[in-house]
Amino acid sequence: MENKRIKVAVAKGRILEEVCDLLSASGYPTNTINKKTRQLIFEIKDLTILACKPADVTKYVDLGAADCGIVGSDCIMETNYEIYEPLTLSIGKCKMVLACLKNKKLVLTPGMDLKIGTKYPKITKAFFAKKKIFPEIVYLNGSVELAPAVGLCDAIVDITETGSTIKENNLKVVDSLHDICAKLVMNRASYRIYSQELKELALALSNKNKKIFLLIP
C-alpha cells in the first residue's frame, strides 16, 4: 500500500533551513527546496513541505491544513492549540527575554505601572501575573527592539539567539522567560490515521533515535 503524502507546515527562515539539514542527513533530497524563493510548497519524497509564517504553523496543524508542523516553542505557547507535541528538536534554540534600555533601572515590583512591547501578549501576561504585575501590552509584530528607544514602551519581551540584536539596539536583558527550541507538532486526527508515516518523519528528524517511538501517543 502506497504511503500517504504527509503535509508538513514548517516555519520559514532559520527553522526551515535547519529542518532541511536534518532531513538531508536522513536521506531526503532537500536540494529541491529553494529557501530564497517566494515558492511556499515543496515536494520531497513522501512529504509536502508548506513554508509558513511561524505564527501560522500551529493554526495550519490544528485546522488540518497540515498533518504536522515544525515551529518554535514560543509560537506553540502563545497559541495553545489542541495538538500533539511529541518531539523536541535540537534546532531553533534561543531565549525569550525581558529587555529595556541600558540606562534604565527596571526593578520588577508587585503592582507597578509598566508598558511592555511584544508579539507574545499571552506569554508576557502570564509571566508578569506570577509577579503580581499587570502591564499594559503594546502588540508589535516586528522591529520590537525599536519600541523602548522611541518611548513606545518601558521594556520589551522578545526572543534572541545570541543577544547581539539586543546589544546593538542599546538594550539590556532584565530577565529570562523561557528557553525556546523547535518542536514537531501533530494534528490529532492525522496522527490516528497516518501514525506510521508521522512516526517515520519523527524518526528522520531525531537522527534515527528509535526511542522517539515511545514518546508519541
C-alpha atoms as a PDB file:
ATOM      1  CA  MET A   1       0.000   0.000   0.000  1.00  0.00           C
ATOM      2  CA  GLU A   2       1.403   3.362  -1.015  1.00  0.00           C
ATOM      3  CA  ASN A   3       2.238   5.752   1.801  1.00  0.00           C
ATOM      4  CA  LYS A   4       0.116   8.848   2.244  1.00  0.00           C
ATOM      5  CA  ARG A   5       1.838  12.095   1.280  1.00  0.00           C
ATOM      6  CA  ILE A   6       2.264  13.948   4.570  1.00  0.00           C
ATOM      7  CA  LYS A   7       1.789  17.732   4.638  1.00  0.00           C
ATOM      8  CA  VAL A   8       4.342  19.392   6.912  1.00  0.00           C
ATOM      9  CA  ALA A   9       3.991  23.070   7.842  1.00  0.00           C
ATOM     10  CA  VAL A  10       7.450  24.473   8.612  1.00  0.00           C
ATOM     11  CA  ALA A  11       8.299  27.921   9.950  1.00  0.00           C
ATOM     12  CA  LYS A  12      10.079  29.938   7.268  1.00  0.00           C
ATOM     13  CA  GLY A  13      13.593  31.205   7.893  1.00  0.00           C
ATOM     14  CA  ARG A  14      16.140  29.645  10.202  1.00  0.00           C
ATOM     15  CA  ILE A  15      13.944  26.684  11.227  1.00  0.00           C
ATOM     16  CA  LEU A  16      13.208  25.717   7.606  1.00  0.00           C
ATOM     17  CA  GLU A  17      16.934  25.768   6.842  1.00  0.00           C
ATOM     18  CA  GLU A  18      17.762  23.600   9.856  1.00  0.00           C
ATOM     19  CA  VAL A  19      14.904  21.186   9.117  1.00  0.00           C
ATOM     20  CA  CYS A  20      16.341  20.731   5.622  1.00  0.00           C
ATOM     21  CA  ASP A  21      19.685  19.804   7.189  1.00  0.00           C
ATOM     22  CA  LEU A  22      18.035  17.185   9.435  1.00  0.00           C
ATOM     23  CA  LEU A  23      16.040  15.671   6.580  1.00  0.00           C
ATOM     24  CA  SER A  24      19.061  15.680   4.289  1.00  0.00           C
ATOM     25  CA  ALA A  25      21.033  13.733   6.898  1.00  0.00           C
ATOM     26  CA  SER A  26      18.240  11.127   6.830  1.00  0.00           C
ATOM     27  CA  GLY A  27      18.331  10.748   3.053  1.00  0.00           C
ATOM     28  CA  TYR A  28      15.708  13.235   1.887  1.00  0.00           C
ATOM     29  CA  PRO A  29      16.666  15.166  -1.305  1.00  0.00           C
ATOM     30  CA  THR A  30      16.231  18.639   0.179  1.00  0.00           C
ATOM     31  CA  ASN A  31      18.302  20.274  -2.568  1.00  0.00           C
ATOM     32  CA  THR A  32      14.977  20.797  -4.365  1.00  0.00           C
ATOM     33  CA  ILE A  33      13.927  23.266  -1.652  1.00  0.00           C
ATOM     34  CA  ASN A  34      14.996  26.791  -2.576  1.00  0.00           C
ATOM     35  CA  LYS A  35      14.788  28.715   0.691  1.00  0.00           C
ATOM     36  CA  LYS A  36      15.313  32.080  -1.039  1.00  0.00           C
ATOM     37  CA  THR A  37      12.407  31.755  -3.461  1.00  0.00           C
ATOM     38  CA  ARG A  38       8.854  33.029  -2.983  1.00  0.00           C
ATOM     39  CA  GLN A  39       7.620  29.485  -3.571  1.00  0.00           C
ATOM     40  CA  LEU A  40       5.836  28.150  -0.490  1.00  0.00           C
ATOM     41  CA  ILE A  41       5.120  24.496  -1.381  1.00  0.00           C
ATOM     42  CA  PHE A  42       7.831  21.891  -1.984  1.00  0.00           C
ATOM     43  CA  GLU A  43       7.581  18.147  -2.529  1.00  0.00           C
ATOM     44  CA  ILE A  44      10.335  15.775  -1.414  1.00  0.00           C
ATOM     45  CA  LYS A  45       9.795  12.010  -1.394  1.00  0.00           C
ATOM     46  CA  ASP A  46       6.529  11.408   0.506  1.00  0.00           C
ATOM     47  CA  LEU A  47       6.437  14.885   2.108  1.00  0.00           C
ATOM     48  CA  THR A  48       4.770  18.108   1.031  1.00  0.00           C
ATOM     49  CA  ILE A  49       6.563  20.971   2.786  1.00  0.00           C
ATOM     50  CA  LEU A  50       4.474  24.094   3.418  1.00  0.00           C
ATOM     51  CA  ALA A  51       6.682  27.109   4.197  1.00  0.00           C
ATOM     52  CA  CYS A  52       4.592  29.186   6.624  1.00  0.00           C
ATOM     53  CA  LYS A  53       4.945  32.240   8.791  1.00  0.00           C
ATOM     54  CA  PRO A  54       5.951  30.922  12.228  1.00  0.00           C
ATOM     55  CA  ALA A  55       2.813  32.222  13.933  1.00  0.00           C
ATOM     56  CA  ASP A  56       0.610  30.352  11.427  1.00  0.00           C
ATOM     57  CA  VAL A  57       2.140  26.871  11.733  1.00  0.00           C
ATOM     58  CA  THR A  58       0.093  25.716  14.732  1.00  0.00           C
ATOM     59  CA  LYS A  59      -3.127  27.002  13.144  1.00  0.00           C
ATOM     60  CA  TYR A  60      -2.449  25.030   9.942  1.00  0.00           C
ATOM     61  CA  VAL A  61      -1.904  21.907  12.034  1.00  0.00           C
ATOM     62  CA  ASP A  62      -4.859  22.432  14.373  1.00  0.00           C
ATOM     63  CA  LEU A  63      -7.300  23.019  11.490  1.00  0.00           C
ATOM     64  CA  GLY A  64      -5.993  20.052   9.485  1.00  0.00           C
ATOM     65  CA  ALA A  65      -4.484  22.030   6.612  1.00  0.00           C
ATOM     66  CA  ALA A  66      -1.227  20.288   7.572  1.00  0.00           C
ATOM     67  CA  ASP A  67      -0.767  16.874   9.179  1.00  0.00           C
ATOM     68  CA  CYS A  68       2.112  18.096  11.289  1.00  0.00           C
ATOM     69  CA  GLY A  69       4.334  21.115  11.735  1.00  0.00           C
ATOM     70  CA  ILE A  70       7.749  22.242  12.897  1.00  0.00           C
ATOM     71  CA  VAL A  71       7.888  25.549  14.751  1.00  0.00           C
ATOM     72  CA  GLY A  72       9.461  27.270  17.733  1.00  0.00           C
ATOM     73  CA  SER A  73       8.046  26.523  21.170  1.00  0.00           C
ATOM     74  CA  ASP A  74       7.354  30.262  21.549  1.00  0.00           C
ATOM     75  CA  CYS A  75       4.623  30.041  18.893  1.00  0.00           C
ATOM     76  CA  ILE A  76       3.206  26.876  20.467  1.00  0.00           C
ATOM     77  CA  MET A  77       2.947  28.502  23.905  1.00  0.00           C
ATOM     78  CA  GLU A  78       1.389  31.665  22.510  1.00  0.00           C
ATOM     79  CA  THR A  79      -1.368  29.881  20.573  1.00  0.00           C
ATOM     80  CA  ASN A  80      -2.028  26.812  22.761  1.00  0.00           C
ATOM     81  CA  TYR A  81      -3.969  24.716  20.237  1.00  0.00           C
ATOM     82  CA  GLU A  82      -5.062  21.128  20.991  1.00  0.00           C
ATOM     83  CA  ILE A  83      -2.259  19.403  19.096  1.00  0.00           C
ATOM     84  CA  TYR A  84       0.311  16.733  19.945  1.00  0.00           C
ATOM     85  CA  GLU A  85       3.852  17.879  20.801  1.00  0.00           C
ATOM     86  CA  PRO A  86       5.745  14.573  20.647  1.00  0.00           C
ATOM     87  CA  LEU A  87       9.241  15.709  19.744  1.00  0.00           C
ATOM     88  CA  THR A  88      11.594  18.460  20.879  1.00  0.00           C
ATOM     89  CA  LEU A  89      14.232  19.094  18.227  1.00  0.00           C
ATOM     90  CA  SER A  90      17.855  20.129  18.551  1.00  0.00           C
ATOM     91  CA  ILE A  91      17.307  23.190  16.332  1.00  0.00           C
ATOM     92  CA  GLY A  92      15.889  26.702  16.608  1.00  0.00           C
ATOM     93  CA  LYS A  93      17.409  27.292  20.030  1.00  0.00           C
ATOM     94  CA  CYS A  94      17.121  30.775  21.522  1.00  0.00           C
ATOM     95  CA  LYS A  95      15.803  32.574  24.615  1.00  0.00           C
ATOM     96  CA  MET A  96      12.742  34.663  25.325  1.00  0.00           C
ATOM     97  CA  VAL A  97      13.825  37.650  27.392  1.00  0.00           C
ATOM     98  CA  LEU A  98      12.624  40.832  29.016  1.00  0.00           C
ATOM     99  CA  ALA A  99      14.815  43.754  27.937  1.00  0.00           C
ATOM    100  CA  CYS A 100      14.915  47.510  28.462  1.00  0.00           C
ATOM    101  CA  LEU A 101      17.213  50.419  27.610  1.00  0.00           C
ATOM    102  CA  LYS A 102      20.728  50.100  29.037  1.00  0.00           C
ATOM    103  CA  ASN A 103      20.450  53.332  31.006  1.00  0.00           C
ATOM    104  CA  LYS A 104      17.079  52.412  32.548  1.00  0.00           C
ATOM    105  CA  LYS A 105      16.859  50.886  36.010  1.00  0.00           C
ATOM    106  CA  LEU A 106      13.984  48.416  35.876  1.00  0.00           C
ATOM    107  CA  VAL A 107      13.128  46.622  39.111  1.00  0.00           C
ATOM    108  CA  LEU A 108      10.022  44.446  38.961  1.00  0.00           C
ATOM    109  CA  THR A 109       7.759  45.083  41.941  1.00  0.00           C
ATOM    110  CA  PRO A 110       4.153  43.940  42.506  1.00  0.00           C
ATOM    111  CA  GLY A 111       1.505  46.386  41.281  1.00  0.00           C
ATOM    112  CA  MET A 112       3.925  48.620  39.366  1.00  0.00           C
ATOM    113  CA  ASP A 113       2.829  50.509  36.249  1.00  0.00           C
ATOM    114  CA  LEU A 114       4.534  49.081  33.198  1.00  0.00           C
ATOM    115  CA  LYS A 115       4.111  49.167  29.438  1.00  0.00           C
ATOM    116  CA  ILE A 116       5.542  46.185  27.520  1.00  0.00           C
ATOM    117  CA  GLY A 117       6.026  45.880  23.757  1.00  0.00           C
ATOM    118  CA  THR A 118       5.844  42.330  22.393  1.00  0.00           C
ATOM    119  CA  LYS A 119       4.361  39.959  19.848  1.00  0.00           C
ATOM    120  CA  TYR A 120       3.765  37.475  22.683  1.00  0.00           C
ATOM    121  CA  PRO A 121       0.933  39.030  24.744  1.00  0.00           C
ATOM    122  CA  LYS A 122      -0.301  35.751  26.239  1.00  0.00           C
ATOM    123  CA  ILE A 123       3.134  34.586  27.409  1.00  0.00           C
ATOM    124  CA  THR A 124       4.001  38.081  28.632  1.00  0.00           C
ATOM    125  CA  LYS A 125       0.817  38.441  30.697  1.00  0.00           C
ATOM    126  CA  ALA A 126       1.359  35.022  32.286  1.00  0.00           C
ATOM    127  CA  PHE A 127       4.959  35.878  33.203  1.00  0.00           C
ATOM    128  CA  PHE A 128       4.046  39.160  34.878  1.00  0.00           C
ATOM    129  CA  ALA A 129       0.915  37.785  36.554  1.00  0.00           C
ATOM    130  CA  LYS A 130       3.151  35.466  38.589  1.00  0.00           C
ATOM    131  CA  LYS A 131       4.883  38.604  39.856  1.00  0.00           C
ATOM    132  CA  LYS A 132       1.529  40.324  40.548  1.00  0.00           C
ATOM    133  CA  ILE A 133       2.230  42.854  37.807  1.00  0.00           C
ATOM    134  CA  PHE A 134      -0.424  43.605  35.190  1.00  0.00           C
ATOM    135  CA  PRO A 135       1.276  45.642  32.463  1.00  0.00           C
ATOM    136  CA  GLU A 136      -0.243  47.431  29.505  1.00  0.00           C
ATOM    137  CA  ILE A 137       0.648  45.347  26.454  1.00  0.00           C
ATOM    138  CA  VAL A 138       1.595  47.046  23.187  1.00  0.00           C
ATOM    139  CA  TYR A 139       1.299  44.397  20.472  1.00  0.00           C
ATOM    140  CA  LEU A 140       4.148  44.626  17.946  1.00  0.00           C
ATOM    141  CA  ASN A 141       4.790  42.243  15.067  1.00  0.00           C
ATOM    142  CA  GLY A 142       8.263  43.414  14.075  1.00  0.00           C
ATOM    143  CA  SER A 143      11.125  45.766  14.987  1.00  0.00           C
ATOM    144  CA  VAL A 144      10.268  45.181  18.641  1.00  0.00           C
ATOM    145  CA  GLU A 145      13.713  46.408  19.760  1.00  0.00           C
ATOM    146  CA  LEU A 146      12.900  49.878  18.423  1.00  0.00           C
ATOM    147  CA  ALA A 147       9.982  50.449  20.791  1.00  0.00           C
ATOM    148  CA  PRO A 148      11.851  51.430  24.007  1.00  0.00           C
ATOM    149  CA  ALA A 149      14.116  53.838  22.112  1.00  0.00           C
ATOM    150  CA  VAL A 150      11.169  55.903  20.852  1.00  0.00           C
ATOM    151  CA  GLY A 151       9.277  55.815  24.146  1.00  0.00           C
ATOM    152  CA  LEU A 152       6.558  53.453  22.976  1.00  0.00           C
ATOM    153  CA  CYS A 153       7.061  51.181  25.982  1.00  0.00           C
ATOM    154  CA  ASP A 154       9.178  50.693  29.090  1.00  0.00           C
ATOM    155  CA  ALA A 155      10.540  47.320  28.033  1.00  0.00           C
ATOM    156  CA  ILE A 156      10.055  44.505  25.542  1.00  0.00           C
ATOM    157  CA  VAL A 157       9.591  40.748  25.582  1.00  0.00           C
ATOM    158  CA  ASP A 158      11.196  39.108  22.562  1.00  0.00           C
ATOM    159  CA  ILE A 159      13.347  36.176  21.517  1.00  0.00           C
ATOM    160  CA  THR A 160      17.087  36.404  20.977  1.00  0.00           C
ATOM    161  CA  GLU A 161      19.586  33.866  19.699  1.00  0.00           C
ATOM    162  CA  THR A 162      22.932  35.437  20.583  1.00  0.00           C
ATOM    163  CA  GLY A 163      21.920  38.684  22.277  1.00  0.00           C
ATOM    164  CA  SER A 164      23.641  40.763  19.601  1.00  0.00           C
ATOM    165  CA  THR A 165      20.434  42.443  18.374  1.00  0.00           C
ATOM    166  CA  ILE A 166      19.612  43.396  21.955  1.00  0.00           C
ATOM    167  CA  LYS A 167      23.050  44.971  22.461  1.00  0.00           C
ATOM    168  CA  GLU A 168      23.127  46.682  19.064  1.00  0.00           C
ATOM    169  CA  ASN A 169      19.898  48.489  19.918  1.00  0.00           C
ATOM    170  CA  ASN A 170      21.216  49.806  23.236  1.00  0.00           C
ATOM    171  CA  LEU A 171      19.172  47.358  25.298  1.00  0.00           C
ATOM    172  CA  LYS A 172      19.987  45.041  28.186  1.00  0.00           C
ATOM    173  CA  VAL A 173      18.389  41.806  29.365  1.00  0.00           C
ATOM    174  CA  VAL A 174      16.484  42.196  32.638  1.00  0.00           C
ATOM    175  CA  ASP A 175      15.085  38.674  32.964  1.00  0.00           C
ATOM    176  CA  SER A 176      14.736  35.421  31.040  1.00  0.00           C
ATOM    177  CA  LEU A 177      11.242  33.998  30.476  1.00  0.00           C
ATOM    178  CA  HIS A 178      11.796  30.743  28.562  1.00  0.00           C
ATOM    179  CA  ASP A 179      14.354  28.663  26.713  1.00  0.00           C
ATOM    180  CA  ILE A 180      12.990  28.244  23.182  1.00  0.00           C
ATOM    181  CA  CYS A 181      13.587  25.484  20.635  1.00  0.00           C
ATOM    182  CA  ALA A 182      11.817  23.951  17.645  1.00  0.00           C
ATOM    183  CA  LYS A 183       9.245  21.200  18.158  1.00  0.00           C
ATOM    184  CA  LEU A 184       7.399  18.738  15.972  1.00  0.00           C
ATOM    185  CA  VAL A 185       3.635  19.077  16.434  1.00  0.00           C
ATOM    186  CA  MET A 186       0.913  16.831  15.014  1.00  0.00           C
ATOM    187  CA  ASN A 187      -2.772  17.124  14.180  1.00  0.00           C
ATOM    188  CA  ARG A 188      -4.647  14.656  16.389  1.00  0.00           C
ATOM    189  CA  ALA A 189      -6.844  13.251  13.609  1.00  0.00           C
ATOM    190  CA  SER A 190      -3.901  12.922  11.220  1.00  0.00           C
ATOM    191  CA  TYR A 191      -1.937  11.028  13.837  1.00  0.00           C
ATOM    192  CA  ARG A 192      -4.719   8.490  14.318  1.00  0.00           C
ATOM    193  CA  ILE A 193      -4.985   7.889  10.563  1.00  0.00           C
ATOM    194  CA  TYR A 194      -1.337   8.224   9.499  1.00  0.00           C
ATOM    195  CA  SER A 195       0.547   7.283  12.654  1.00  0.00           C
ATOM    196  CA  GLN A 196       3.177   5.170  10.896  1.00  0.00           C
ATOM    197  CA  GLU A 197       4.068   7.866   8.352  1.00  0.00           C
ATOM    198  CA  LEU A 198       4.278  10.517  11.058  1.00  0.00           C
ATOM    199  CA  LYS A 199       6.432   8.293  13.255  1.00  0.00           C
ATOM    200  CA  GLU A 200       8.804   7.750  10.329  1.00  0.00           C
ATOM    201  CA  LEU A 201       9.100  11.518   9.895  1.00  0.00           C
ATOM    202  CA  ALA A 202       9.769  11.929  13.618  1.00  0.00           C
ATOM    203  CA  LEU A 203      12.443   9.254  13.353  1.00  0.00           C
ATOM    204  CA  ALA A 204      14.115  11.103  10.477  1.00  0.00           C
ATOM    205  CA  LEU A 205      14.068  14.391  12.396  1.00  0.00           C
ATOM    206  CA  SER A 206      15.511  12.786  15.528  1.00  0.00           C
ATOM    207  CA  ASN A 207      18.572  11.385  13.733  1.00  0.00           C
ATOM    208  CA  LYS A 208      17.058   7.881  13.701  1.00  0.00           C
ATOM    209  CA  ASN A 209      16.748   7.742  17.500  1.00  0.00           C
ATOM    210  CA  LYS A 210      14.230   4.902  17.855  1.00  0.00           C
ATOM    211  CA  LYS A 211      13.309   5.989  21.380  1.00  0.00           C
ATOM    212  CA  ILE A 212      11.100   8.584  19.685  1.00  0.00           C
ATOM    213  CA  PHE A 213       8.507   5.873  19.068  1.00  0.00           C
ATOM    214  CA  LEU A 214       7.953   5.702  22.818  1.00  0.00           C
ATOM    215  CA  LEU A 215       7.248   9.437  23.044  1.00  0.00           C
ATOM    216  CA  ILE A 216       4.394   9.567  20.538  1.00  0.00           C
ATOM    217  CA  PRO A 217       0.948   8.589  21.870  1.00  0.00           C
END
